[in-house]
Amino acid sequence: MTNVYELDGRRLSDKDAAHAYLQEVLPFPDYYGQNLDALYDVLTEGSEDTLLWILHAEAVHPAIAAVLEDAMEENPFLTVIYEDSDEEEAYEA
């Protein structure tokens, strides 16, 4: 079974505020460090199939997007799908 999480890319546009949002929505440990290195670590440590469906992908901060991409390359259990607000169909990065 795949864990699916729908994320609002507009809430990922500010790098600092994005960490609080991600910790609120995703099952991150209490010790999550709320920085890009900690984000990479928790995303690459997962061993369950996980899908992050990001709506309004055009709003995601480039540094957050880069960490998501790097984590997806490292962790075979992680899939990130982006959907821009002006697109009808989603695309997988």
N, C-alpha and C. Protein backbone atom coordinates (compact mmCIF):
# COMPACT_ATOMS: atom_id res chain seq x y z
N MET A 1 0.83 -1.17 0.00
CA MET A 1 0.00 0.00 0.00
C MET A 1 0.89 1.25 0.00
N THR A 2 0.52 2.20 -0.80
CA THR A 2 1.28 3.44 -0.92
C THR A 2 0.66 4.53 -0.05
N ASN A 3 1.49 5.20 0.71
CA ASN A 3 1.06 6.36 1.48
C ASN A 3 1.05 7.55 0.54
N VAL A 4 -0.11 8.20 0.40
CA VAL A 4 -0.25 9.33 -0.51
C VAL A 4 -0.50 10.60 0.30
N TYR A 5 0.27 11.63 0.00
CA TYR A 5 0.14 12.91 0.68
C TYR A 5 -0.02 14.01 -0.37
N GLU A 6 -1.07 14.78 -0.24
CA GLU A 6 -1.31 15.91 -1.14
C GLU A 6 -0.78 17.17 -0.47
N LEU A 7 0.12 17.85 -1.17
CA LEU A 7 0.75 19.04 -0.63
C LEU A 7 0.40 20.25 -1.50
N ASP A 8 0.25 21.38 -0.86
CA ASP A 8 -0.02 22.63 -1.55
C ASP A 8 1.31 23.34 -1.79
N GLY A 9 1.73 23.41 -3.05
CA GLY A 9 3.00 24.03 -3.39
C GLY A 9 3.11 25.47 -2.95
N ARG A 10 1.99 26.16 -2.80
CA ARG A 10 2.00 27.54 -2.33
C ARG A 10 2.50 27.62 -0.89
N ARG A 11 2.31 26.54 -0.15
CA ARG A 11 2.80 26.51 1.25
C ARG A 11 4.25 26.07 1.32
N LEU A 12 4.82 25.80 0.14
CA LEU A 12 6.23 25.42 0.06
C LEU A 12 7.05 26.51 -0.63
N SER A 13 6.48 27.69 -0.77
CA SER A 13 7.17 28.77 -1.48
C SER A 13 8.17 29.51 -0.60
N ASP A 14 7.94 29.53 0.69
CA ASP A 14 8.87 30.15 1.63
C ASP A 14 9.66 29.02 2.30
N LYS A 15 10.95 29.04 2.09
CA LYS A 15 11.79 27.92 2.54
C LYS A 15 11.65 27.66 4.04
N ASP A 16 11.61 28.69 4.85
CA ASP A 16 11.53 28.49 6.30
C ASP A 16 10.15 28.00 6.73
N ALA A 17 9.10 28.62 6.22
CA ALA A 17 7.73 28.23 6.59
C ALA A 17 7.38 26.84 6.05
N ALA A 18 8.02 26.44 4.97
CA ALA A 18 7.73 25.14 4.37
C ALA A 18 8.01 23.99 5.32
N HIS A 19 9.03 24.13 6.14
CA HIS A 19 9.38 23.03 7.05
C HIS A 19 8.29 22.77 8.08
N ALA A 20 7.71 23.82 8.62
CA ALA A 20 6.61 23.64 9.58
C ALA A 20 5.42 22.98 8.90
N TYR A 21 5.12 23.40 7.68
CA TYR A 21 4.01 22.80 6.92
C TYR A 21 4.28 21.33 6.65
N LEU A 22 5.47 21.01 6.19
CA LEU A 22 5.80 19.61 5.91
C LEU A 22 5.73 18.75 7.16
N GLN A 23 6.19 19.28 8.27
CA GLN A 23 6.14 18.51 9.51
C GLN A 23 4.70 18.32 9.97
N GLU A 24 3.86 19.26 9.64
CA GLU A 24 2.43 19.17 10.00
C GLU A 24 1.72 18.11 9.15
N VAL A 25 2.06 18.02 7.87
CA VAL A 25 1.34 17.16 6.93
C VAL A 25 1.94 15.75 6.84
N LEU A 26 3.25 15.67 6.91
CA LEU A 26 3.93 14.37 6.73
C LEU A 26 4.29 13.78 8.09
N PRO A 27 4.43 12.46 8.14
CA PRO A 27 4.74 11.81 9.42
C PRO A 27 6.24 11.91 9.76
N PHE A 28 6.71 13.14 9.96
CA PHE A 28 8.10 13.36 10.32
C PHE A 28 8.28 13.10 11.82
N PRO A 29 9.47 12.68 12.20
CA PRO A 29 9.73 12.48 13.63
C PRO A 29 9.75 13.81 14.37
N ASP A 30 9.54 13.75 15.67
CA ASP A 30 9.53 14.97 16.50
C ASP A 30 10.86 15.71 16.43
N TYR A 31 11.94 14.99 16.20
CA TYR A 31 13.27 15.61 16.19
C TYR A 31 13.63 16.22 14.84
N TYR A 32 12.68 16.27 13.90
CA TYR A 32 12.96 16.85 12.58
C TYR A 32 13.56 18.25 12.74
N GLY A 33 14.69 18.48 12.10
CA GLY A 33 15.46 19.70 12.30
C GLY A 33 15.00 20.93 11.54
N GLN A 34 13.98 20.82 10.71
CA GLN A 34 13.42 21.94 9.96
C GLN A 34 14.47 22.72 9.17
N ASN A 35 15.27 21.99 8.42
CA ASN A 35 16.20 22.60 7.47
C ASN A 35 16.32 21.65 6.28
N LEU A 36 17.00 22.09 5.23
CA LEU A 36 17.06 21.28 4.00
C LEU A 36 17.77 19.96 4.20
N ASP A 37 18.83 19.93 5.00
CA ASP A 37 19.54 18.67 5.25
C ASP A 37 18.64 17.69 6.00
N ALA A 38 17.90 18.18 6.97
CA ALA A 38 16.99 17.31 7.73
C ALA A 38 15.86 16.81 6.83
N LEU A 39 15.38 17.66 5.93
CA LEU A 39 14.34 17.25 4.99
C LEU A 39 14.84 16.10 4.12
N TYR A 40 16.03 16.26 3.58
CA TYR A 40 16.63 15.20 2.76
C TYR A 40 16.75 13.91 3.57
N ASP A 41 17.23 14.03 4.79
CA ASP A 41 17.42 12.84 5.63
C ASP A 41 16.12 12.09 5.86
N VAL A 42 15.05 12.79 6.25
CA VAL A 42 13.80 12.07 6.54
C VAL A 42 13.18 11.50 5.27
N LEU A 43 13.36 12.17 4.15
CA LEU A 43 12.79 11.64 2.91
C LEU A 43 13.56 10.44 2.37
N THR A 44 14.83 10.38 2.64
CA THR A 44 15.62 9.24 2.14
C THR A 44 15.64 8.07 3.10
N GLU A 45 15.22 8.27 4.34
CA GLU A 45 15.19 7.19 5.32
C GLU A 45 13.95 6.32 5.21
N GLY A 46 12.91 6.81 4.56
CA GLY A 46 11.65 6.08 4.48
C GLY A 46 11.77 4.77 3.74
N SER A 47 11.09 3.75 4.24
CA SER A 47 11.14 2.44 3.61
C SER A 47 9.74 1.94 3.23
N GLU A 48 8.77 2.85 3.22
CA GLU A 48 7.42 2.53 2.76
C GLU A 48 7.15 3.33 1.50
N ASP A 49 6.39 2.72 0.57
CA ASP A 49 6.05 3.44 -0.65
C ASP A 49 5.31 4.72 -0.29
N THR A 50 5.84 5.84 -0.76
CA THR A 50 5.28 7.15 -0.43
C THR A 50 5.17 7.98 -1.70
N LEU A 51 4.02 8.57 -1.88
CA LEU A 51 3.77 9.46 -3.01
C LEU A 51 3.46 10.84 -2.48
N LEU A 52 4.24 11.83 -2.91
CA LEU A 52 3.96 13.22 -2.59
C LEU A 52 3.36 13.86 -3.84
N TRP A 53 2.10 14.24 -3.76
CA TRP A 53 1.38 14.86 -4.87
C TRP A 53 1.36 16.35 -4.58
N ILE A 54 2.10 17.12 -5.36
CA ILE A 54 2.25 18.54 -5.09
C ILE A 54 1.43 19.35 -6.08
N LEU A 55 0.40 20.01 -5.56
CA LEU A 55 -0.43 20.89 -6.36
C LEU A 55 0.20 22.29 -6.35
N HIS A 56 -0.06 23.08 -7.37
CA HIS A 56 0.54 24.42 -7.50
C HIS A 56 2.06 24.31 -7.44
N ALA A 57 2.58 23.37 -8.21
CA ALA A 57 4.01 23.09 -8.19
C ALA A 57 4.86 24.27 -8.60
N GLU A 58 4.30 25.16 -9.39
CA GLU A 58 5.07 26.32 -9.84
C GLU A 58 5.47 27.23 -8.68
N ALA A 59 4.82 27.10 -7.54
CA ALA A 59 5.09 27.97 -6.40
C ALA A 59 6.17 27.42 -5.46
N VAL A 60 6.57 26.16 -5.65
CA VAL A 60 7.52 25.53 -4.73
C VAL A 60 8.88 26.24 -4.82
N HIS A 61 9.45 26.55 -3.67
CA HIS A 61 10.78 27.18 -3.62
C HIS A 61 11.78 26.26 -4.31
N PRO A 62 12.66 26.80 -5.14
CA PRO A 62 13.63 25.97 -5.88
C PRO A 62 14.49 25.08 -4.99
N ALA A 63 14.87 25.56 -3.82
CA ALA A 63 15.70 24.75 -2.93
C ALA A 63 14.92 23.55 -2.39
N ILE A 64 13.64 23.75 -2.07
CA ILE A 64 12.79 22.64 -1.62
C ILE A 64 12.62 21.64 -2.76
N ALA A 65 12.36 22.14 -3.96
CA ALA A 65 12.19 21.26 -5.12
C ALA A 65 13.45 20.44 -5.37
N ALA A 66 14.61 21.05 -5.22
CA ALA A 66 15.86 20.34 -5.45
C ALA A 66 16.04 19.21 -4.44
N VAL A 67 15.68 19.46 -3.18
CA VAL A 67 15.80 18.42 -2.16
C VAL A 67 14.82 17.28 -2.46
N LEU A 68 13.61 17.61 -2.87
CA LEU A 68 12.64 16.58 -3.23
C LEU A 68 13.15 15.72 -4.37
N GLU A 69 13.74 16.35 -5.37
CA GLU A 69 14.29 15.61 -6.51
C GLU A 69 15.45 14.71 -6.08
N ASP A 70 16.37 15.26 -5.30
CA ASP A 70 17.51 14.47 -4.83
C ASP A 70 17.06 13.30 -3.98
N ALA A 71 16.10 13.53 -3.11
CA ALA A 71 15.60 12.46 -2.24
C ALA A 71 14.91 11.37 -3.06
N MET A 72 14.18 11.79 -4.09
CA MET A 72 13.50 10.80 -4.92
C MET A 72 14.50 9.94 -5.68
N GLU A 73 15.60 10.53 -6.10
CA GLU A 73 16.65 9.76 -6.78
C GLU A 73 17.30 8.76 -5.84
N GLU A 74 17.44 9.14 -4.57
CA GLU A 74 18.11 8.29 -3.59
C GLU A 74 17.20 7.21 -3.01
N ASN A 75 15.94 7.51 -2.85
CA ASN A 75 15.02 6.59 -2.17
C ASN A 75 14.03 5.99 -3.18
N PRO A 76 14.15 4.70 -3.46
CA PRO A 76 13.25 4.06 -4.44
C PRO A 76 11.80 3.97 -3.96
N PHE A 77 11.56 4.24 -2.69
CA PHE A 77 10.20 4.18 -2.14
C PHE A 77 9.47 5.52 -2.25
N LEU A 78 10.17 6.56 -2.68
CA LEU A 78 9.61 7.91 -2.74
C LEU A 78 9.33 8.32 -4.19
N THR A 79 8.11 8.79 -4.42
CA THR A 79 7.73 9.35 -5.71
C THR A 79 7.13 10.72 -5.47
N VAL A 80 7.55 11.68 -6.29
CA VAL A 80 7.01 13.03 -6.21
C VAL A 80 6.36 13.35 -7.55
N ILE A 81 5.11 13.75 -7.50
CA ILE A 81 4.37 14.14 -8.70
C ILE A 81 3.99 15.60 -8.55
N TYR A 82 4.24 16.35 -9.60
CA TYR A 82 3.96 17.79 -9.59
C TYR A 82 2.78 18.09 -10.50
N GLU A 83 1.96 19.03 -10.05
CA GLU A 83 0.86 19.49 -10.88
C GLU A 83 0.81 21.02 -10.78
N ASP A 84 1.04 21.68 -11.91
CA ASP A 84 0.95 23.14 -11.93
C ASP A 84 -0.52 23.52 -11.95
N SER A 85 -0.84 24.69 -11.44
CA SER A 85 -2.23 25.11 -11.37
C SER A 85 -2.84 25.35 -12.73
N ASP A 86 -2.03 25.62 -13.75
CA ASP A 86 -2.56 25.85 -15.07
C ASP A 86 -2.55 24.62 -15.96
N GLU A 87 -2.14 23.49 -15.42
CA GLU A 87 -2.11 22.25 -16.18
C GLU A 87 -3.28 21.36 -15.78
N GLU A 88 -3.79 20.63 -16.74
CA GLU A 88 -4.88 19.71 -16.42
C GLU A 88 -4.34 18.36 -15.99
N GLU A 89 -3.15 18.01 -16.44
CA GLU A 89 -2.61 16.72 -16.08
C GLU A 89 -1.33 16.90 -15.28
N ALA A 90 -1.10 15.99 -14.38
CA ALA A 90 0.10 16.03 -13.56
C ALA A 90 1.26 15.41 -14.33
N TYR A 91 2.45 15.69 -13.88
CA TYR A 91 3.62 15.06 -14.48
C TYR A 91 4.53 14.61 -13.35
N GLU A 92 5.24 13.53 -13.64
CA GLU A 92 6.17 13.00 -12.64
C GLU A 92 7.55 13.52 -12.97
N ALA A 93 8.24 14.00 -11.97
CA ALA A 93 9.57 14.54 -12.17
C ALA A 93 10.57 13.42 -12.40
